[in-house]
Amino acid sequence: MITLTPLPDIPMVRPGDDLARLMIGACENNELAPADGDIVVVAQKIVSKAEGRYVDLAKIHPSPRAANLAAEVDKDPRLVEVILAESRRVVRKRPGVLIVEHRLGFVMANAGVDRSNIEADIAAEPVLLLPRDPDASARRLHEQLAAHFGNRLGVIISDSWGRAWRQGTVGVALGVAGLPALLDMRGRPDLFGRELRVTQTGFADEIASAASLVMGQADEGRPAVLVRGLTWSQAPTPGAALIRPAEEDLFR
């Protein structure tokens, strides 16, 4: 049996908060004891908040490039300036849509720069960036949680993304620690004994997407989910393993 349980009573996260301590408190206050092999899925937003990844648009002076691009995509030039600063290049653009290659290699809308569910007192016009290094953030949480509970735990930092060719957002894994982000099934037989030649499973993405059903997307206030009942035998790999190399990408 696989269960997904939200960690209740996590307060609004502020810059500098000890996120692991908040999650430990949520578990202990509600008599939730993570077991060996459990996975904690944490919303990117609270990780970014704890790390202080805010930018105040009121202090941004857009460059001519940002101003020109903003006119093309009908967005705030200051916001576009922040997006470009977080990006390697623009992949696609049209009014209302700006798809970029993030500095970490993600191909995504707006470089993950977000205005939703941000406290108004943080800055005059705050926006929130992705964690500077989601895999490093996941490792820190993994080390702190595993040390406290004394168990073999996994940590996934998740975000909600749109997808090419499909409507709607789904949860994806940005940072991973303590479990394999990608399961390589190549060489294994199928039901009829045929050898699998190309199959790899986005294990961490599948878990993040399942947890997203519990987290919600609006005002649910459930930014962390405990996943129990999954097993794996392959060695841990980081979330970066999920990014398809550019030379293998037919659509980028």
C-alpha atoms as a PDB file:
ATOM      1  CA  MET A   1       0.000   0.000   0.000  1.00  0.00           C
ATOM      2  CA  ILE A   2       1.203   3.500  -0.879  1.00  0.00           C
ATOM      3  CA  THR A   3       0.021   6.409   1.264  1.00  0.00           C
ATOM      4  CA  LEU A   4       0.404  10.169   0.861  1.00  0.00           C
ATOM      5  CA  THR A   5      -0.057  12.190   4.046  1.00  0.00           C
ATOM      6  CA  PRO A   6       0.230  15.986   4.243  1.00  0.00           C
ATOM      7  CA  LEU A   7       2.374  17.356   7.039  1.00  0.00           C
ATOM      8  CA  PRO A   8      -0.110  19.559   8.905  1.00  0.00           C
ATOM      9  CA  ASP A   9       0.360  22.878  10.637  1.00  0.00           C
ATOM     10  CA  ILE A  10       3.462  24.084   8.801  1.00  0.00           C
ATOM     11  CA  PRO A  11       3.427  27.863   9.384  1.00  0.00           C
ATOM     12  CA  MET A  12       4.014  30.525   6.766  1.00  0.00           C
ATOM     13  CA  VAL A  13       7.708  30.289   5.967  1.00  0.00           C
ATOM     14  CA  ARG A  14       9.871  33.395   6.197  1.00  0.00           C
ATOM     15  CA  PRO A  15      13.431  34.090   5.033  1.00  0.00           C
ATOM     16  CA  GLY A  16      15.935  32.432   7.322  1.00  0.00           C
ATOM     17  CA  ASP A  17      13.499  29.897   8.774  1.00  0.00           C
ATOM     18  CA  ASP A  18      14.892  26.444   9.580  1.00  0.00           C
ATOM     19  CA  LEU A  19      12.696  24.478   7.217  1.00  0.00           C
ATOM     20  CA  ALA A  20      13.799  21.071   8.499  1.00  0.00           C
ATOM     21  CA  ARG A  21      12.958  22.140  12.049  1.00  0.00           C
ATOM     22  CA  LEU A  22       9.490  23.297  10.955  1.00  0.00           C
ATOM     23  CA  MET A  23       8.859  19.941   9.274  1.00  0.00           C
ATOM     24  CA  ILE A  24      10.150  17.994  12.267  1.00  0.00           C
ATOM     25  CA  GLY A  25       7.828  20.005  14.510  1.00  0.00           C
ATOM     26  CA  ALA A  26       4.868  19.328  12.206  1.00  0.00           C
ATOM     27  CA  CYS A  27       5.580  15.595  12.391  1.00  0.00           C
ATOM     28  CA  GLU A  28       6.078  15.458  16.142  1.00  0.00           C
ATOM     29  CA  ASN A  29       3.139  17.710  17.013  1.00  0.00           C
ATOM     30  CA  ASN A  30       0.844  15.429  15.027  1.00  0.00           C
ATOM     31  CA  GLU A  31       2.442  12.118  16.027  1.00  0.00           C
ATOM     32  CA  LEU A  32       3.706  11.395  12.513  1.00  0.00           C
ATOM     33  CA  ALA A  33       6.865   9.326  12.689  1.00  0.00           C
ATOM     34  CA  PRO A  34       8.650   8.968   9.336  1.00  0.00           C
ATOM     35  CA  ALA A  35       9.647   5.353   8.747  1.00  0.00           C
ATOM     36  CA  ASP A  36      12.615   3.880   6.939  1.00  0.00           C
ATOM     37  CA  GLY A  37      12.147   4.388   3.191  1.00  0.00           C
ATOM     38  CA  ASP A  38       9.621   7.222   3.489  1.00  0.00           C
ATOM     39  CA  ILE A  39       9.918  10.181   1.120  1.00  0.00           C
ATOM     40  CA  VAL A  40       9.158  13.780   2.021  1.00  0.00           C
ATOM     41  CA  VAL A  41       7.997  15.906  -0.914  1.00  0.00           C
ATOM     42  CA  VAL A  42       8.424  19.622  -0.250  1.00  0.00           C
ATOM     43  CA  ALA A  43       6.996  22.426  -2.350  1.00  0.00           C
ATOM     44  CA  GLN A  44       9.662  24.539  -4.003  1.00  0.00           C
ATOM     45  CA  LYS A  45       7.944  27.690  -2.826  1.00  0.00           C
ATOM     46  CA  ILE A  46       8.623  27.167   0.878  1.00  0.00           C
ATOM     47  CA  VAL A  47      12.220  26.168   0.135  1.00  0.00           C
ATOM     48  CA  SER A  48      12.718  29.371  -1.843  1.00  0.00           C
ATOM     49  CA  LYS A  49      11.050  31.403   0.910  1.00  0.00           C
ATOM     50  CA  ALA A  50      13.294  29.950   3.613  1.00  0.00           C
ATOM     51  CA  GLU A  51      16.330  30.669   1.423  1.00  0.00           C
ATOM     52  CA  GLY A  52      15.208  34.272   0.903  1.00  0.00           C
ATOM     53  CA  ARG A  53      15.004  33.981  -2.880  1.00  0.00           C
ATOM     54  CA  TYR A  54      12.982  37.173  -3.260  1.00  0.00           C
ATOM     55  CA  VAL A  55      13.442  40.021  -5.688  1.00  0.00           C
ATOM     56  CA  ASP A  56      11.668  43.357  -5.312  1.00  0.00           C
ATOM     57  CA  LEU A  57      10.421  44.505  -8.724  1.00  0.00           C
ATOM     58  CA  ALA A  58      10.255  48.054  -7.384  1.00  0.00           C
ATOM     59  CA  LYS A  59      14.084  48.047  -7.387  1.00  0.00           C
ATOM     60  CA  ILE A  60      14.530  46.572 -10.872  1.00  0.00           C
ATOM     61  CA  HIS A  61      15.526  48.779 -13.811  1.00  0.00           C
ATOM     62  CA  PRO A  62      14.845  46.854 -17.033  1.00  0.00           C
ATOM     63  CA  SER A  63      17.438  46.786 -19.772  1.00  0.00           C
ATOM     64  CA  PRO A  64      16.547  47.680 -23.372  1.00  0.00           C
ATOM     65  CA  ARG A  65      16.536  43.966 -24.193  1.00  0.00           C
ATOM     66  CA  ALA A  66      14.046  43.254 -21.400  1.00  0.00           C
ATOM     67  CA  ALA A  67      11.869  46.201 -22.439  1.00  0.00           C
ATOM     68  CA  ASN A  68      11.753  45.041 -26.056  1.00  0.00           C
ATOM     69  CA  LEU A  69      10.979  41.447 -25.095  1.00  0.00           C
ATOM     70  CA  ALA A  70       8.332  42.584 -22.612  1.00  0.00           C
ATOM     71  CA  ALA A  71       6.545  44.452 -25.403  1.00  0.00           C
ATOM     72  CA  GLU A  72       6.520  41.255 -27.485  1.00  0.00           C
ATOM     73  CA  VAL A  73       5.138  39.026 -24.733  1.00  0.00           C
ATOM     74  CA  ASP A  74       2.942  41.629 -22.992  1.00  0.00           C
ATOM     75  CA  LYS A  75       4.632  41.335 -19.594  1.00  0.00           C
ATOM     76  CA  ASP A  76       6.034  43.770 -17.045  1.00  0.00           C
ATOM     77  CA  PRO A  77       9.540  44.772 -18.276  1.00  0.00           C
ATOM     78  CA  ARG A  78      10.878  44.509 -14.739  1.00  0.00           C
ATOM     79  CA  LEU A  79       9.587  40.945 -14.466  1.00  0.00           C
ATOM     80  CA  VAL A  80      11.148  40.089 -17.827  1.00  0.00           C
ATOM     81  CA  GLU A  81      14.478  41.496 -16.601  1.00  0.00           C
ATOM     82  CA  VAL A  82      14.364  39.123 -13.617  1.00  0.00           C
ATOM     83  CA  ILE A  83      13.401  36.198 -15.870  1.00  0.00           C
ATOM     84  CA  LEU A  84      16.313  36.903 -18.224  1.00  0.00           C
ATOM     85  CA  ALA A  85      18.730  37.121 -15.296  1.00  0.00           C
ATOM     86  CA  GLU A  86      17.682  33.589 -14.299  1.00  0.00           C
ATOM     87  CA  SER A  87      17.891  32.211 -17.844  1.00  0.00           C
ATOM     88  CA  ARG A  88      20.443  30.984 -20.354  1.00  0.00           C
ATOM     89  CA  ARG A  89      18.265  31.797 -23.363  1.00  0.00           C
ATOM     90  CA  VAL A  90      14.753  32.344 -24.616  1.00  0.00           C
ATOM     91  CA  VAL A  91      13.296  29.185 -26.168  1.00  0.00           C
ATOM     92  CA  ARG A  92       9.815  30.340 -27.268  1.00  0.00           C
ATOM     93  CA  LYS A  93       7.809  33.528 -26.961  1.00  0.00           C
ATOM     94  CA  ARG A  94       4.425  34.936 -27.873  1.00  0.00           C
ATOM     95  CA  PRO A  95       1.986  37.345 -26.187  1.00  0.00           C
ATOM     96  CA  GLY A  96       1.393  36.053 -22.681  1.00  0.00           C
ATOM     97  CA  VAL A  97       3.976  33.249 -22.929  1.00  0.00           C
ATOM     98  CA  LEU A  98       7.732  33.265 -22.294  1.00  0.00           C
ATOM     99  CA  ILE A  99       9.500  29.880 -22.293  1.00  0.00           C
ATOM    100  CA  VAL A 100      13.177  29.944 -21.336  1.00  0.00           C
ATOM    101  CA  GLU A 101      16.049  27.650 -20.557  1.00  0.00           C
ATOM    102  CA  HIS A 102      16.705  28.281 -16.879  1.00  0.00           C
ATOM    103  CA  ARG A 103      20.317  28.672 -15.742  1.00  0.00           C
ATOM    104  CA  LEU A 104      20.023  25.163 -14.180  1.00  0.00           C
ATOM    105  CA  GLY A 105      18.929  23.618 -17.478  1.00  0.00           C
ATOM    106  CA  PHE A 106      15.179  23.460 -16.919  1.00  0.00           C
ATOM    107  CA  VAL A 107      13.057  24.461 -19.916  1.00  0.00           C
ATOM    108  CA  MET A 108      10.094  26.212 -18.351  1.00  0.00           C
ATOM    109  CA  ALA A 109       7.802  29.216 -18.312  1.00  0.00           C
ATOM    110  CA  ASN A 110       9.145  32.467 -16.854  1.00  0.00           C
ATOM    111  CA  ALA A 111      12.243  30.775 -15.354  1.00  0.00           C
ATOM    112  CA  GLY A 112      10.030  29.773 -12.432  1.00  0.00           C
ATOM    113  CA  VAL A 113       9.722  33.390 -11.270  1.00  0.00           C
ATOM    114  CA  ASP A 114       6.424  33.550  -9.377  1.00  0.00           C
ATOM    115  CA  ARG A 115       4.134  36.070  -7.729  1.00  0.00           C
ATOM    116  CA  SER A 116       1.496  33.770  -6.203  1.00  0.00           C
ATOM    117  CA  ASN A 117       1.152  33.007  -2.476  1.00  0.00           C
ATOM    118  CA  ILE A 118       3.759  35.577  -1.427  1.00  0.00           C
ATOM    119  CA  GLU A 119       3.256  37.682   1.698  1.00  0.00           C
ATOM    120  CA  ALA A 120       2.764  41.353   0.821  1.00  0.00           C
ATOM    121  CA  ASP A 121       5.063  42.615   3.591  1.00  0.00           C
ATOM    122  CA  ILE A 122       8.188  40.945   2.169  1.00  0.00           C
ATOM    123  CA  ALA A 123       8.886  43.821  -0.228  1.00  0.00           C
ATOM    124  CA  ALA A 124       7.092  46.530  -2.176  1.00  0.00           C
ATOM    125  CA  GLU A 125       6.536  44.253  -5.203  1.00  0.00           C
ATOM    126  CA  PRO A 126       8.020  40.858  -4.389  1.00  0.00           C
ATOM    127  CA  VAL A 127       8.551  37.939  -6.747  1.00  0.00           C
ATOM    128  CA  LEU A 128      10.078  34.602  -5.802  1.00  0.00           C
ATOM    129  CA  LEU A 129      12.834  32.710  -7.643  1.00  0.00           C
ATOM    130  CA  LEU A 130      13.614  29.002  -7.663  1.00  0.00           C
ATOM    131  CA  PRO A 131      16.169  27.771  -5.111  1.00  0.00           C
ATOM    132  CA  ARG A 132      19.708  28.568  -6.172  1.00  0.00           C
ATOM    133  CA  ASP A 133      20.570  24.837  -6.237  1.00  0.00           C
ATOM    134  CA  PRO A 134      17.528  22.567  -5.646  1.00  0.00           C
ATOM    135  CA  ASP A 135      19.625  19.394  -5.360  1.00  0.00           C
ATOM    136  CA  ALA A 136      21.792  21.023  -2.679  1.00  0.00           C
ATOM    137  CA  SER A 137      18.646  22.199  -0.876  1.00  0.00           C
ATOM    138  CA  ALA A 138      17.254  18.653  -1.002  1.00  0.00           C
ATOM    139  CA  ARG A 139      20.537  17.249   0.354  1.00  0.00           C
ATOM    140  CA  ARG A 140      20.495  19.622   3.318  1.00  0.00           C
ATOM    141  CA  LEU A 141      16.920  18.700   4.202  1.00  0.00           C
ATOM    142  CA  HIS A 142      17.692  15.018   3.724  1.00  0.00           C
ATOM    143  CA  GLU A 143      20.688  15.173   6.061  1.00  0.00           C
ATOM    144  CA  GLN A 144      18.781  17.061   8.773  1.00  0.00           C
ATOM    145  CA  LEU A 145      15.655  14.905   8.638  1.00  0.00           C
ATOM    146  CA  ALA A 146      17.552  11.612   8.452  1.00  0.00           C
ATOM    147  CA  ALA A 147      19.788  12.616  11.369  1.00  0.00           C
ATOM    148  CA  HIS A 148      16.792  13.576  13.539  1.00  0.00           C
ATOM    149  CA  PHE A 149      14.571  10.591  12.812  1.00  0.00           C
ATOM    150  CA  GLY A 150      17.389   8.073  12.417  1.00  0.00           C
ATOM    151  CA  ASN A 151      15.873   6.600   9.273  1.00  0.00           C
ATOM    152  CA  ARG A 152      16.700   6.203   5.595  1.00  0.00           C
ATOM    153  CA  LEU A 153      14.560   8.968   4.102  1.00  0.00           C
ATOM    154  CA  GLY A 154      14.227  10.526   0.678  1.00  0.00           C
ATOM    155  CA  VAL A 155      13.555  14.182  -0.088  1.00  0.00           C
ATOM    156  CA  ILE A 156      12.066  15.686  -3.233  1.00  0.00           C
ATOM    157  CA  ILE A 157      11.688  19.408  -3.870  1.00  0.00           C
ATOM    158  CA  SER A 158       8.758  19.758  -6.253  1.00  0.00           C
ATOM    159  CA  ASP A 159       7.259  22.429  -8.461  1.00  0.00           C
ATOM    160  CA  SER A 160       4.226  22.671 -10.756  1.00  0.00           C
ATOM    161  CA  TRP A 161       4.949  22.917 -14.472  1.00  0.00           C
ATOM    162  CA  GLY A 162       2.988  23.080 -17.662  1.00  0.00           C
ATOM    163  CA  ARG A 163       3.927  20.624 -20.421  1.00  0.00           C
ATOM    164  CA  ALA A 164       4.392  20.728 -24.161  1.00  0.00           C
ATOM    165  CA  TRP A 165       1.419  19.226 -25.998  1.00  0.00           C
ATOM    166  CA  ARG A 166      -0.680  18.855 -22.813  1.00  0.00           C
ATOM    167  CA  GLN A 167      -3.025  21.173 -20.927  1.00  0.00           C
ATOM    168  CA  GLY A 168      -2.685  21.623 -17.193  1.00  0.00           C
ATOM    169  CA  THR A 169       0.180  21.639 -14.715  1.00  0.00           C
ATOM    170  CA  VAL A 170       1.671  18.625 -12.952  1.00  0.00           C
ATOM    171  CA  GLY A 171       4.170  18.218 -10.158  1.00  0.00           C
ATOM    172  CA  VAL A 172       7.794  17.694 -11.160  1.00  0.00           C
ATOM    173  CA  ALA A 173      10.975  17.127  -9.154  1.00  0.00           C
ATOM    174  CA  LEU A 174      13.531  19.946  -9.083  1.00  0.00           C
ATOM    175  CA  GLY A 175      15.804  18.629  -6.336  1.00  0.00           C
ATOM    176  CA  VAL A 176      16.236  15.048  -5.135  1.00  0.00           C
ATOM    177  CA  ALA A 177      18.220  13.407  -2.324  1.00  0.00           C
ATOM    178  CA  GLY A 178      18.214   9.922  -0.862  1.00  0.00           C
ATOM    179  CA  LEU A 179      16.509   8.169  -3.801  1.00  0.00           C
ATOM    180  CA  PRO A 180      17.065   7.705  -7.525  1.00  0.00           C
ATOM    181  CA  ALA A 181      15.524  10.514  -9.546  1.00  0.00           C
ATOM    182  CA  LEU A 182      15.634   8.318 -12.646  1.00  0.00           C
ATOM    183  CA  LEU A 183      15.141   4.542 -12.746  1.00  0.00           C
ATOM    184  CA  ASP A 184      16.988   2.873 -15.606  1.00  0.00           C
ATOM    185  CA  MET A 185      14.973  -0.143 -16.750  1.00  0.00           C
ATOM    186  CA  ARG A 186      17.145  -0.912 -19.759  1.00  0.00           C
ATOM    187  CA  GLY A 187      18.229  -4.535 -19.859  1.00  0.00           C
ATOM    188  CA  ARG A 188      15.267  -5.780 -17.827  1.00  0.00           C
ATOM    189  CA  PRO A 189      12.735  -8.111 -19.450  1.00  0.00           C
ATOM    190  CA  ASP A 190       9.114  -7.202 -20.098  1.00  0.00           C
ATOM    191  CA  LEU A 191       6.235  -9.594 -19.309  1.00  0.00           C
ATOM    192  CA  PHE A 192       7.081 -11.676 -22.366  1.00  0.00           C
ATOM    193  CA  GLY A 193      10.828 -11.780 -21.851  1.00  0.00           C
ATOM    194  CA  ARG A 194      11.725  -9.093 -24.358  1.00  0.00           C
ATOM    195  CA  GLU A 195      14.639  -6.941 -23.228  1.00  0.00           C
ATOM    196  CA  LEU A 196      13.795  -3.305 -22.566  1.00  0.00           C
ATOM    197  CA  ARG A 197      16.132  -1.109 -24.600  1.00  0.00           C
ATOM    198  CA  VAL A 198      15.129   2.525 -23.957  1.00  0.00           C
ATOM    199  CA  THR A 199      12.847   2.565 -20.906  1.00  0.00           C
ATOM    200  CA  GLN A 200      13.787   4.924 -18.112  1.00  0.00           C
ATOM    201  CA  THR A 201      11.245   5.996 -15.494  1.00  0.00           C
ATOM    202  CA  GLY A 202      11.116   9.514 -14.073  1.00  0.00           C
ATOM    203  CA  PHE A 203      10.719   8.101 -10.574  1.00  0.00           C
ATOM    204  CA  ALA A 204      11.033  11.379  -8.695  1.00  0.00           C
ATOM    205  CA  ASP A 205       8.726  13.178 -11.152  1.00  0.00           C
ATOM    206  CA  GLU A 206       6.048  10.515 -10.687  1.00  0.00           C
ATOM    207  CA  ILE A 207       6.271  10.872  -6.904  1.00  0.00           C
ATOM    208  CA  ALA A 208       6.162  14.681  -7.130  1.00  0.00           C
ATOM    209  CA  SER A 209       3.101  14.520  -9.360  1.00  0.00           C
ATOM    210  CA  ALA A 210       1.291  12.199  -6.939  1.00  0.00           C
ATOM    211  CA  ALA A 211       2.151  14.460  -4.005  1.00  0.00           C
ATOM    212  CA  SER A 212       0.870  17.466  -5.960  1.00  0.00           C
ATOM    213  CA  LEU A 213      -2.645  15.961  -5.788  1.00  0.00           C
ATOM    214  CA  VAL A 214      -2.439  16.302  -2.005  1.00  0.00           C
ATOM    215  CA  MET A 215      -0.632  19.652  -1.930  1.00  0.00           C
ATOM    216  CA  GLY A 216      -3.066  21.442  -4.240  1.00  0.00           C
ATOM    217  CA  GLN A 217      -2.315  24.513  -6.336  1.00  0.00           C
ATOM    218  CA  ALA A 218      -4.098  27.435  -4.677  1.00  0.00           C
ATOM    219  CA  ASP A 219      -4.925  28.153  -1.027  1.00  0.00           C
ATOM    220  CA  GLU A 220      -4.774  24.613   0.390  1.00  0.00           C
ATOM    221  CA  GLY A 221      -1.749  25.331   2.588  1.00  0.00           C
ATOM    222  CA  ARG A 222      -0.246  21.814   2.374  1.00  0.00           C
ATOM    223  CA  PRO A 223       3.352  22.382   1.226  1.00  0.00           C
ATOM    224  CA  ALA A 224       4.850  19.061   2.374  1.00  0.00           C
ATOM    225  CA  VAL A 225       3.679  15.481   1.919  1.00  0.00           C
ATOM    226  CA  LEU A 226       4.955  12.238   3.443  1.00  0.00           C
ATOM    227  CA  VAL A 227       4.952   9.376   0.925  1.00  0.00           C
ATOM    228  CA  ARG A 228       5.118   5.828   2.296  1.00  0.00           C
ATOM    229  CA  GLY A 229       5.199   2.408   0.681  1.00  0.00           C
ATOM    230  CA  LEU A 230       7.554   2.858  -2.268  1.00  0.00           C
ATOM    231  CA  THR A 231      10.696   0.785  -2.716  1.00  0.00           C
ATOM    232  CA  TRP A 232      13.727   1.054  -4.983  1.00  0.00           C
ATOM    233  CA  SER A 233      16.994  -0.778  -5.451  1.00  0.00           C
ATOM    234  CA  GLN A 234      19.040   1.631  -7.571  1.00  0.00           C
ATOM    235  CA  ALA A 235      21.498   4.118  -6.070  1.00  0.00           C
ATOM    236  CA  PRO A 236      20.378   7.668  -5.309  1.00  0.00           C
ATOM    237  CA  THR A 237      20.770  10.205  -8.107  1.00  0.00           C
ATOM    238  CA  PRO A 238      20.060  13.963  -8.070  1.00  0.00           C
ATOM    239  CA  GLY A 239      17.229  15.789  -9.751  1.00  0.00           C
ATOM    240  CA  ALA A 240      19.663  17.041 -12.386  1.00  0.00           C
ATOM    241  CA  ALA A 241      19.642  13.494 -13.815  1.00  0.00           C
ATOM    242  CA  LEU A 242      16.113  14.161 -15.094  1.00  0.00           C
ATOM    243  CA  ILE A 243      17.203  16.950 -17.460  1.00  0.00           C
ATOM    244  CA  ARG A 244      17.519  15.679 -21.017  1.00  0.00           C
ATOM    245  CA  PRO A 245      20.866  16.725 -22.539  1.00  0.00           C
ATOM    246  CA  ALA A 246      20.464  19.356 -25.222  1.00  0.00           C
ATOM    247  CA  GLU A 247      22.098  17.127 -27.849  1.00  0.00           C
ATOM    248  CA  GLU A 248      19.373  14.503 -27.262  1.00  0.00           C
ATOM    249  CA  ASP A 249      16.489  16.992 -27.232  1.00  0.00           C
ATOM    250  CA  LEU A 250      14.621  17.088 -30.553  1.00  0.00           C
ATOM    251  CA  PHE A 251      12.332  19.935 -29.561  1.00  0.00           C
ATOM    252  CA  ARG A 252      14.334  22.490 -27.571  1.00  0.00           C
END
